[in-house]
Amino acid sequence: MSRKSPGPTADSNTDNGSDSDSGTGTGTGTGTGTGSDNGRRRGRRALSAVRRWIVTAPGTYIWLTVLFVTTVLLHRTTPAFEDGTSGGISDGSSGAPSWDPVRPLLSGVLWIDGGHWIPYAVLFTVFHATAEHWLGTLRWLAVAALAHVLAVLLGEGVLGWAVRYGDASQSAGNTLEVGVSYALAGVVAVLTYRVPHPWRYVYAFAVLVFYGVPLAADGRTVTDLGHVTAVLTGLACYRLTRGARSPGRREAPSPRKRRAPSQGKREAPSPEETERPAAQ
């Protein structure tokens, strides 16, 4: 009698097919799950990096928050409220123009010219936050404050002189001060010392051209003079940048610390060794 060679039965085929299907399904599910997990990890890392960038530049983003609030108020109030944020030259009791620098000094850091907050949020993130990470909050604030104060004082002084001697109209003294851009110009300039050689000179030249051309052209304003003053102030703050290091750069461990792990580790003393000095 001929013997039939054993072969797969219908049940075995069914079992094998189900096993292969389950294997394929498991592989596909694992691949999909791994991809989604990687995407979630990348998203968490990106959010963590953004959070770290904001938290480590508190001055920049607190200032941006204040500017957001005042910008919303500026859009929702009457024009008379906006007039309260204007320049510091007004008629005195005798009818002669008087100069009050306090109002432009304060209003210049609380209001945005034109009321567009998002462009300033980008500029603050690129320049102010970078400078604060590099210099630290106190030195960054010192550069921004010096640039703002000197630019406002010089600009208002020149404008007051022009109004007093008839070279400018009285209404020119009520122009809105853009002190936020003065501080920004000073910080943009001080970042020159963060750029490595030889690109530092290219960066400085570009900054001087960007802010200097409007002052040299026809139709220049006191604001253009303030911007150039702020840029020169930022460039003059070189000593404040000494000792600053790039964000994220860690100091190299000292040779003593570096050799310490290579030395043999001393084992913990046994109870007998611990009790021996006490017995003596």
C-alpha atoms as a PDB file:
ATOM      1  CA  MET A   1       0.000   0.000   0.000  1.00  0.00           C
ATOM      2  CA  SER A   2       1.259   3.383  -0.862  1.00  0.00           C
ATOM      3  CA  ARG A   3       1.829   5.649   2.053  1.00  0.00           C
ATOM      4  CA  LYS A   4       0.751   9.222   1.739  1.00  0.00           C
ATOM      5  CA  SER A   5       3.341  11.728   2.748  1.00  0.00           C
ATOM      6  CA  PRO A   6       2.135  13.793   5.608  1.00  0.00           C
ATOM      7  CA  GLY A   7       1.175  17.307   4.631  1.00  0.00           C
ATOM      8  CA  PRO A   8      -0.478  20.257   6.184  1.00  0.00           C
ATOM      9  CA  THR A   9      -4.077  19.799   7.024  1.00  0.00           C
ATOM     10  CA  ALA A  10      -6.769  22.409   6.790  1.00  0.00           C
ATOM     11  CA  ASP A  11      -6.550  23.027  10.511  1.00  0.00           C
ATOM     12  CA  SER A  12      -2.822  23.499  10.412  1.00  0.00           C
ATOM     13  CA  ASN A  13      -3.105  25.885   7.461  1.00  0.00           C
ATOM     14  CA  THR A  14      -5.643  27.850   9.385  1.00  0.00           C
ATOM     15  CA  ASP A  15      -3.424  27.957  12.432  1.00  0.00           C
ATOM     16  CA  ASN A  16      -0.374  29.010  10.449  1.00  0.00           C
ATOM     17  CA  GLY A  17      -2.293  31.721   8.694  1.00  0.00           C
ATOM     18  CA  SER A  18      -3.617  33.071  11.933  1.00  0.00           C
ATOM     19  CA  ASP A  19      -0.125  33.018  13.405  1.00  0.00           C
ATOM     20  CA  SER A  20       1.332  34.885  10.452  1.00  0.00           C
ATOM     21  CA  ASP A  21      -1.486  37.384  10.520  1.00  0.00           C
ATOM     22  CA  SER A  22      -1.015  37.956  14.194  1.00  0.00           C
ATOM     23  CA  GLY A  23       2.722  38.365  13.695  1.00  0.00           C
ATOM     24  CA  THR A  24       2.191  40.876  10.933  1.00  0.00           C
ATOM     25  CA  GLY A  25      -0.331  42.783  12.987  1.00  0.00           C
ATOM     26  CA  THR A  26       1.940  42.825  15.980  1.00  0.00           C
ATOM     27  CA  GLY A  27       4.853  44.131  13.905  1.00  0.00           C
ATOM     28  CA  THR A  28       2.769  46.856  12.330  1.00  0.00           C
ATOM     29  CA  GLY A  29       1.330  47.888  15.652  1.00  0.00           C
ATOM     30  CA  THR A  30       4.761  47.983  17.252  1.00  0.00           C
ATOM     31  CA  GLY A  31       6.167  50.105  14.432  1.00  0.00           C
ATOM     32  CA  THR A  32       3.278  52.533  14.616  1.00  0.00           C
ATOM     33  CA  GLY A  33       3.517  52.729  18.378  1.00  0.00           C
ATOM     34  CA  THR A  34       7.264  53.337  18.243  1.00  0.00           C
ATOM     35  CA  GLY A  35       6.849  56.112  15.687  1.00  0.00           C
ATOM     36  CA  SER A  36       4.173  57.853  17.721  1.00  0.00           C
ATOM     37  CA  ASP A  37       6.278  57.502  20.873  1.00  0.00           C
ATOM     38  CA  ASN A  38       9.249  59.057  19.111  1.00  0.00           C
ATOM     39  CA  GLY A  39       7.054  61.892  17.904  1.00  0.00           C
ATOM     40  CA  ARG A  40       5.780  62.499  21.420  1.00  0.00           C
ATOM     41  CA  ARG A  41       9.334  62.466  22.775  1.00  0.00           C
ATOM     42  CA  ARG A  42      10.435  64.991  20.174  1.00  0.00           C
ATOM     43  CA  GLY A  43       7.466  67.176  21.010  1.00  0.00           C
ATOM     44  CA  ARG A  44       8.242  67.000  24.726  1.00  0.00           C
ATOM     45  CA  ARG A  45      11.896  67.842  24.069  1.00  0.00           C
ATOM     46  CA  ALA A  46      10.893  70.810  21.913  1.00  0.00           C
ATOM     47  CA  LEU A  47       8.476  72.087  24.561  1.00  0.00           C
ATOM     48  CA  SER A  48      11.129  71.589  27.236  1.00  0.00           C
ATOM     49  CA  ALA A  49      13.658  73.561  25.174  1.00  0.00           C
ATOM     50  CA  VAL A  50      11.179  76.417  24.643  1.00  0.00           C
ATOM     51  CA  ARG A  51      10.297  76.440  28.345  1.00  0.00           C
ATOM     52  CA  ARG A  52      13.971  76.476  29.304  1.00  0.00           C
ATOM     53  CA  TRP A  53      14.664  79.337  26.863  1.00  0.00           C
ATOM     54  CA  ILE A  54      11.877  81.434  28.393  1.00  0.00           C
ATOM     55  CA  VAL A  55      12.581  80.602  32.036  1.00  0.00           C
ATOM     56  CA  THR A  56      16.293  81.406  31.713  1.00  0.00           C
ATOM     57  CA  ALA A  57      15.516  84.863  30.274  1.00  0.00           C
ATOM     58  CA  PRO A  58      13.003  86.170  32.836  1.00  0.00           C
ATOM     59  CA  GLY A  59      13.641  89.869  32.252  1.00  0.00           C
ATOM     60  CA  THR A  60      12.949  89.652  28.534  1.00  0.00           C
ATOM     61  CA  TYR A  61       9.651  87.831  28.847  1.00  0.00           C
ATOM     62  CA  ILE A  62       8.369  89.773  31.839  1.00  0.00           C
ATOM     63  CA  TRP A  63       8.971  92.915  29.785  1.00  0.00           C
ATOM     64  CA  LEU A  64       7.185  91.357  26.820  1.00  0.00           C
ATOM     65  CA  THR A  65       4.228  90.496  29.049  1.00  0.00           C
ATOM     66  CA  VAL A  66       3.986  94.101  30.253  1.00  0.00           C
ATOM     67  CA  LEU A  67       4.160  95.333  26.665  1.00  0.00           C
ATOM     68  CA  PHE A  68       1.389  92.931  25.678  1.00  0.00           C
ATOM     69  CA  VAL A  69      -0.883  94.306  28.402  1.00  0.00           C
ATOM     70  CA  THR A  70      -0.184  97.943  27.522  1.00  0.00           C
ATOM     71  CA  THR A  71      -0.643  97.218  23.814  1.00  0.00           C
ATOM     72  CA  VAL A  72      -4.081  95.739  24.491  1.00  0.00           C
ATOM     73  CA  LEU A  73      -4.958  98.773  26.615  1.00  0.00           C
ATOM     74  CA  LEU A  74      -3.735 101.101  23.886  1.00  0.00           C
ATOM     75  CA  HIS A  75      -6.022  99.473  21.335  1.00  0.00           C
ATOM     76  CA  ARG A  76      -9.065  99.565  23.636  1.00  0.00           C
ATOM     77  CA  THR A  77      -8.829 103.104  24.983  1.00  0.00           C
ATOM     78  CA  THR A  78      -9.497 106.539  23.613  1.00  0.00           C
ATOM     79  CA  PRO A  79      -6.940 108.686  21.762  1.00  0.00           C
ATOM     80  CA  ALA A  80      -6.757 110.936  24.832  1.00  0.00           C
ATOM     81  CA  PHE A  81      -5.217 108.040  26.751  1.00  0.00           C
ATOM     82  CA  GLU A  82      -2.586 107.629  24.054  1.00  0.00           C
ATOM     83  CA  ASP A  83      -1.739 111.324  24.322  1.00  0.00           C
ATOM     84  CA  GLY A  84      -0.672 110.661  27.903  1.00  0.00           C
ATOM     85  CA  THR A  85       2.198 108.549  26.597  1.00  0.00           C
ATOM     86  CA  SER A  86       3.656 111.285  24.370  1.00  0.00           C
ATOM     87  CA  GLY A  87       6.897 113.175  24.617  1.00  0.00           C
ATOM     88  CA  GLY A  88       8.083 115.282  27.491  1.00  0.00           C
ATOM     89  CA  ILE A  89       8.063 118.817  26.025  1.00  0.00           C
ATOM     90  CA  SER A  90       5.032 120.943  26.859  1.00  0.00           C
ATOM     91  CA  ASP A  91       4.042 124.528  27.547  1.00  0.00           C
ATOM     92  CA  GLY A  92       4.988 125.779  30.975  1.00  0.00           C
ATOM     93  CA  SER A  93       3.022 128.230  33.051  1.00  0.00           C
ATOM     94  CA  SER A  94       4.836 131.147  31.391  1.00  0.00           C
ATOM     95  CA  GLY A  95       4.023 129.917  27.900  1.00  0.00           C
ATOM     96  CA  ALA A  96       7.638 128.884  27.182  1.00  0.00           C
ATOM     97  CA  PRO A  97       8.294 125.241  26.388  1.00  0.00           C
ATOM     98  CA  SER A  98       9.393 123.197  29.380  1.00  0.00           C
ATOM     99  CA  TRP A  99      11.087 119.837  29.354  1.00  0.00           C
ATOM    100  CA  ASP A 100       9.961 116.899  31.470  1.00  0.00           C
ATOM    101  CA  PRO A 101      12.223 113.878  30.716  1.00  0.00           C
ATOM    102  CA  VAL A 102      10.551 111.570  33.238  1.00  0.00           C
ATOM    103  CA  ARG A 103       7.470 110.930  31.131  1.00  0.00           C
ATOM    104  CA  PRO A 104       9.319 109.809  27.973  1.00  0.00           C
ATOM    105  CA  LEU A 105      11.791 107.787  30.035  1.00  0.00           C
ATOM    106  CA  LEU A 106       8.972 105.788  31.592  1.00  0.00           C
ATOM    107  CA  SER A 107       6.551 105.645  28.689  1.00  0.00           C
ATOM    108  CA  GLY A 108       9.328 104.629  26.307  1.00  0.00           C
ATOM    109  CA  VAL A 109       9.710 101.227  27.958  1.00  0.00           C
ATOM    110  CA  LEU A 110       5.992 100.589  28.458  1.00  0.00           C
ATOM    111  CA  TRP A 111       4.555 101.253  25.017  1.00  0.00           C
ATOM    112  CA  ILE A 112       5.225  99.968  21.523  1.00  0.00           C
ATOM    113  CA  ASP A 113       5.267 102.343  18.601  1.00  0.00           C
ATOM    114  CA  GLY A 114       2.467 101.388  16.215  1.00  0.00           C
ATOM    115  CA  GLY A 115       0.857  98.905  18.613  1.00  0.00           C
ATOM    116  CA  HIS A 116       2.113  95.746  16.847  1.00  0.00           C
ATOM    117  CA  TRP A 117       3.243  93.341  19.558  1.00  0.00           C
ATOM    118  CA  ILE A 118       4.122  90.179  17.594  1.00  0.00           C
ATOM    119  CA  PRO A 119       7.070  91.665  15.633  1.00  0.00           C
ATOM    120  CA  TYR A 120       8.555  92.914  18.891  1.00  0.00           C
ATOM    121  CA  ALA A 121       8.017  89.483  20.467  1.00  0.00           C
ATOM    122  CA  VAL A 122      10.153  87.980  17.699  1.00  0.00           C
ATOM    123  CA  LEU A 123      12.821  90.682  18.035  1.00  0.00           C
ATOM    124  CA  PHE A 124      12.904  90.339  21.815  1.00  0.00           C
ATOM    125  CA  THR A 125      13.319  86.577  21.505  1.00  0.00           C
ATOM    126  CA  VAL A 126      16.116  86.831  18.951  1.00  0.00           C
ATOM    127  CA  PHE A 127      18.114  89.690  20.489  1.00  0.00           C
ATOM    128  CA  HIS A 128      17.054  90.460  24.073  1.00  0.00           C
ATOM    129  CA  ALA A 129      16.723  86.836  25.183  1.00  0.00           C
ATOM    130  CA  THR A 130      20.016  85.895  23.527  1.00  0.00           C
ATOM    131  CA  ALA A 131      21.797  88.770  25.252  1.00  0.00           C
ATOM    132  CA  GLU A 132      20.212  87.917  28.610  1.00  0.00           C
ATOM    133  CA  HIS A 133      21.311  84.292  28.308  1.00  0.00           C
ATOM    134  CA  TRP A 134      24.803  85.431  27.418  1.00  0.00           C
ATOM    135  CA  LEU A 135      25.317  88.325  29.833  1.00  0.00           C
ATOM    136  CA  GLY A 136      22.968  87.400  32.639  1.00  0.00           C
ATOM    137  CA  THR A 137      19.894  89.366  33.628  1.00  0.00           C
ATOM    138  CA  LEU A 138      21.657  92.173  35.504  1.00  0.00           C
ATOM    139  CA  ARG A 139      24.231  93.012  32.829  1.00  0.00           C
ATOM    140  CA  TRP A 140      21.676  92.684  30.037  1.00  0.00           C
ATOM    141  CA  LEU A 141      19.381  95.052  31.925  1.00  0.00           C
ATOM    142  CA  ALA A 142      22.258  97.493  32.456  1.00  0.00           C
ATOM    143  CA  VAL A 143      22.999  97.628  28.711  1.00  0.00           C
ATOM    144  CA  ALA A 144      19.329  98.075  27.787  1.00  0.00           C
ATOM    145  CA  ALA A 145      18.779 100.747  30.456  1.00  0.00           C
ATOM    146  CA  LEU A 146      21.892 102.721  29.490  1.00  0.00           C
ATOM    147  CA  ALA A 147      20.975 102.664  25.812  1.00  0.00           C
ATOM    148  CA  HIS A 148      17.402 103.736  26.540  1.00  0.00           C
ATOM    149  CA  VAL A 149      18.242 106.519  29.011  1.00  0.00           C
ATOM    150  CA  LEU A 150      21.049 108.088  26.974  1.00  0.00           C
ATOM    151  CA  ALA A 151      19.072 107.922  23.735  1.00  0.00           C
ATOM    152  CA  VAL A 152      15.976 109.503  25.296  1.00  0.00           C
ATOM    153  CA  LEU A 153      17.945 112.238  27.083  1.00  0.00           C
ATOM    154  CA  LEU A 154      19.911 113.201  23.988  1.00  0.00           C
ATOM    155  CA  GLY A 155      16.893 113.009  21.694  1.00  0.00           C
ATOM    156  CA  GLU A 156      14.643 115.012  24.000  1.00  0.00           C
ATOM    157  CA  GLY A 157      17.441 117.505  24.639  1.00  0.00           C
ATOM    158  CA  VAL A 158      17.978 118.124  20.923  1.00  0.00           C
ATOM    159  CA  LEU A 159      14.233 118.348  20.354  1.00  0.00           C
ATOM    160  CA  GLY A 160      13.802 120.768  23.241  1.00  0.00           C
ATOM    161  CA  TRP A 161      16.607 122.944  21.892  1.00  0.00           C
ATOM    162  CA  ALA A 162      14.974 122.941  18.418  1.00  0.00           C
ATOM    163  CA  VAL A 163      11.563 123.870  19.834  1.00  0.00           C
ATOM    164  CA  ARG A 164      13.013 126.638  22.004  1.00  0.00           C
ATOM    165  CA  TYR A 165      14.853 128.292  19.131  1.00  0.00           C
ATOM    166  CA  GLY A 166      12.097 127.861  16.579  1.00  0.00           C
ATOM    167  CA  ASP A 167      13.743 125.132  14.496  1.00  0.00           C
ATOM    168  CA  ALA A 168      10.853 122.788  15.291  1.00  0.00           C
ATOM    169  CA  SER A 169       7.185 123.354  15.988  1.00  0.00           C
ATOM    170  CA  GLN A 170       5.697 123.057  19.440  1.00  0.00           C
ATOM    171  CA  SER A 171       3.691 120.019  18.338  1.00  0.00           C
ATOM    172  CA  ALA A 172       6.941 118.196  17.601  1.00  0.00           C
ATOM    173  CA  GLY A 173       7.543 117.961  21.321  1.00  0.00           C
ATOM    174  CA  ASN A 174       4.491 115.724  21.725  1.00  0.00           C
ATOM    175  CA  THR A 175       5.732 112.905  19.521  1.00  0.00           C
ATOM    176  CA  LEU A 176       5.554 109.412  20.996  1.00  0.00           C
ATOM    177  CA  GLU A 177       8.911 108.161  22.214  1.00  0.00           C
ATOM    178  CA  VAL A 178       9.892 104.714  20.977  1.00  0.00           C
ATOM    179  CA  GLY A 179      12.150 103.832  23.863  1.00  0.00           C
ATOM    180  CA  VAL A 180      11.595 100.100  23.349  1.00  0.00           C
ATOM    181  CA  SER A 181      13.455 100.354  20.068  1.00  0.00           C
ATOM    182  CA  TYR A 182      16.246 102.345  21.738  1.00  0.00           C
ATOM    183  CA  ALA A 183      16.927  99.566  24.234  1.00  0.00           C
ATOM    184  CA  LEU A 184      16.673  97.028  21.436  1.00  0.00           C
ATOM    185  CA  ALA A 185      19.240  98.917  19.342  1.00  0.00           C
ATOM    186  CA  GLY A 186      21.670  98.984  22.255  1.00  0.00           C
ATOM    187  CA  VAL A 187      21.318  95.244  22.842  1.00  0.00           C
ATOM    188  CA  VAL A 188      21.677  94.497  19.135  1.00  0.00           C
ATOM    189  CA  ALA A 189      24.932  96.450  19.181  1.00  0.00           C
ATOM    190  CA  VAL A 190      26.374  94.793  22.300  1.00  0.00           C
ATOM    191  CA  LEU A 191      25.812  91.373  20.715  1.00  0.00           C
ATOM    192  CA  THR A 192      28.679  92.310  18.405  1.00  0.00           C
ATOM    193  CA  TYR A 193      31.047  90.993  21.064  1.00  0.00           C
ATOM    194  CA  ARG A 194      29.341  87.627  21.054  1.00  0.00           C
ATOM    195  CA  VAL A 195      29.981  87.067  17.339  1.00  0.00           C
ATOM    196  CA  PRO A 196      33.311  85.283  16.713  1.00  0.00           C
ATOM    197  CA  HIS A 197      36.105  86.773  14.633  1.00  0.00           C
ATOM    198  CA  PRO A 198      36.195  87.772  11.799  1.00  0.00           C
ATOM    199  CA  TRP A 199      32.403  87.893  11.449  1.00  0.00           C
ATOM    200  CA  ARG A 200      32.248  90.311  14.370  1.00  0.00           C
ATOM    201  CA  TYR A 201      33.357  93.190  12.156  1.00  0.00           C
ATOM    202  CA  VAL A 202      30.835  92.268   9.466  1.00  0.00           C
ATOM    203  CA  TYR A 203      28.058  92.231  12.058  1.00  0.00           C
ATOM    204  CA  ALA A 204      29.143  95.586  13.543  1.00  0.00           C
ATOM    205  CA  PHE A 205      29.312  97.158  10.085  1.00  0.00           C
ATOM    206  CA  ALA A 206      25.819  95.887   9.230  1.00  0.00           C
ATOM    207  CA  VAL A 207      24.401  97.292  12.489  1.00  0.00           C
ATOM    208  CA  LEU A 208      26.008 100.700  11.927  1.00  0.00           C
ATOM    209  CA  VAL A 209      24.740 100.857   8.356  1.00  0.00           C
ATOM    210  CA  PHE A 210      21.216  99.772   9.322  1.00  0.00           C
ATOM    211  CA  TYR A 211      20.851 102.439  12.008  1.00  0.00           C
ATOM    212  CA  GLY A 212      23.144 105.090  10.510  1.00  0.00           C
ATOM    213  CA  VAL A 213      21.677 105.422   7.023  1.00  0.00           C
ATOM    214  CA  PRO A 214      18.339 106.921   8.220  1.00  0.00           C
ATOM    215  CA  LEU A 215      20.235 109.519  10.244  1.00  0.00           C
ATOM    216  CA  ALA A 216      22.370 110.516   7.246  1.00  0.00           C
ATOM    217  CA  ALA A 217      19.429 110.647   4.816  1.00  0.00           C
ATOM    218  CA  ASP A 218      17.029 113.510   4.262  1.00  0.00           C
ATOM    219  CA  GLY A 219      14.013 113.560   6.522  1.00  0.00           C
ATOM    220  CA  ARG A 220      15.927 112.319   9.553  1.00  0.00           C
ATOM    221  CA  THR A 221      14.176 112.554  12.886  1.00  0.00           C
ATOM    222  CA  VAL A 222      15.081 112.666  16.544  1.00  0.00           C
ATOM    223  CA  THR A 223      14.244 108.975  16.697  1.00  0.00           C
ATOM    224  CA  ASP A 224      17.017 108.243  14.182  1.00  0.00           C
ATOM    225  CA  LEU A 225      19.438 110.158  16.394  1.00  0.00           C
ATOM    226  CA  GLY A 226      18.262 108.136  19.393  1.00  0.00           C
ATOM    227  CA  HIS A 227      18.847 104.860  17.572  1.00  0.00           C
ATOM    228  CA  VAL A 228      22.427 105.791  16.670  1.00  0.00           C
ATOM    229  CA  THR A 229      23.035 106.943  20.248  1.00  0.00           C
ATOM    230  CA  ALA A 230      21.741 103.619  21.554  1.00  0.00           C
ATOM    231  CA  VAL A 231      23.948 101.666  19.127  1.00  0.00           C
ATOM    232  CA  LEU A 232      27.056 103.593  20.179  1.00  0.00           C
ATOM    233  CA  THR A 233      26.102 103.022  23.823  1.00  0.00           C
ATOM    234  CA  GLY A 234      25.813  99.289  23.245  1.00  0.00           C
ATOM    235  CA  LEU A 235      29.207  99.197  21.524  1.00  0.00           C
ATOM    236  CA  ALA A 236      30.675 101.117  24.458  1.00  0.00           C
ATOM    237  CA  CYS A 237      29.534  98.424  26.899  1.00  0.00           C
ATOM    238  CA  TYR A 238      32.387  96.064  26.023  1.00  0.00           C
ATOM    239  CA  ARG A 239      33.581  95.815  29.617  1.00  0.00           C
ATOM    240  CA  LEU A 240      30.176  94.474  30.664  1.00  0.00           C
ATOM    241  CA  THR A 241      30.637  91.571  28.253  1.00  0.00           C
ATOM    242  CA  ARG A 242      33.945  90.403  29.720  1.00  0.00           C
ATOM    243  CA  GLY A 243      33.597  87.071  31.431  1.00  0.00           C
ATOM    244  CA  ALA A 244      30.287  86.312  29.717  1.00  0.00           C
ATOM    245  CA  ARG A 245      30.015  82.880  28.196  1.00  0.00           C
ATOM    246  CA  SER A 246      27.754  81.398  25.609  1.00  0.00           C
ATOM    247  CA  PRO A 247      24.503  79.834  26.886  1.00  0.00           C
ATOM    248  CA  GLY A 248      24.674  76.112  27.429  1.00  0.00           C
ATOM    249  CA  ARG A 249      28.473  76.002  27.563  1.00  0.00           C
ATOM    250  CA  ARG A 250      29.690  74.207  30.649  1.00  0.00           C
ATOM    251  CA  GLU A 251      32.971  74.884  32.299  1.00  0.00           C
ATOM    252  CA  ALA A 252      35.585  72.185  31.804  1.00  0.00           C
ATOM    253  CA  PRO A 253      36.262  70.210  34.967  1.00  0.00           C
ATOM    254  CA  SER A 254      39.503  70.968  36.717  1.00  0.00           C
ATOM    255  CA  PRO A 255      42.363  68.421  36.455  1.00  0.00           C
ATOM    256  CA  ARG A 256      41.834  67.482  40.075  1.00  0.00           C
ATOM    257  CA  LYS A 257      38.192  66.677  39.465  1.00  0.00           C
ATOM    258  CA  ARG A 258      39.058  64.851  36.261  1.00  0.00           C
ATOM    259  CA  ARG A 259      41.593  62.558  38.015  1.00  0.00           C
ATOM    260  CA  ALA A 260      39.350  61.836  40.953  1.00  0.00           C
ATOM    261  CA  PRO A 261      37.186  59.133  39.277  1.00  0.00           C
ATOM    262  CA  SER A 262      40.313  57.243  38.066  1.00  0.00           C
ATOM    263  CA  GLN A 263      41.680  56.804  41.570  1.00  0.00           C
ATOM    264  CA  GLY A 264      40.871  53.613  43.389  1.00  0.00           C
ATOM    265  CA  LYS A 265      37.736  53.793  45.428  1.00  0.00           C
ATOM    266  CA  ARG A 266      38.218  53.166  49.091  1.00  0.00           C
ATOM    267  CA  GLU A 267      35.939  50.563  50.468  1.00  0.00           C
ATOM    268  CA  ALA A 268      33.691  51.368  53.353  1.00  0.00           C
ATOM    269  CA  PRO A 269      35.278  50.474  56.697  1.00  0.00           C
ATOM    270  CA  SER A 270      34.142  47.272  58.294  1.00  0.00           C
ATOM    271  CA  PRO A 271      32.372  47.307  61.664  1.00  0.00           C
ATOM    272  CA  GLU A 272      35.569  45.989  63.305  1.00  0.00           C
ATOM    273  CA  GLU A 273      37.629  48.900  61.919  1.00  0.00           C
ATOM    274  CA  THR A 274      34.952  51.340  62.996  1.00  0.00           C
ATOM    275  CA  GLU A 275      34.880  50.011  66.523  1.00  0.00           C
ATOM    276  CA  ARG A 276      38.668  49.629  66.887  1.00  0.00           C
ATOM    277  CA  PRO A 277      39.483  53.339  67.564  1.00  0.00           C
ATOM    278  CA  ALA A 278      36.720  53.423  70.127  1.00  0.00           C
ATOM    279  CA  ALA A 279      38.213  50.400  71.869  1.00  0.00           C
ATOM    280  CA  GLN A 280      41.639  52.017  72.029  1.00  0.00           C
END
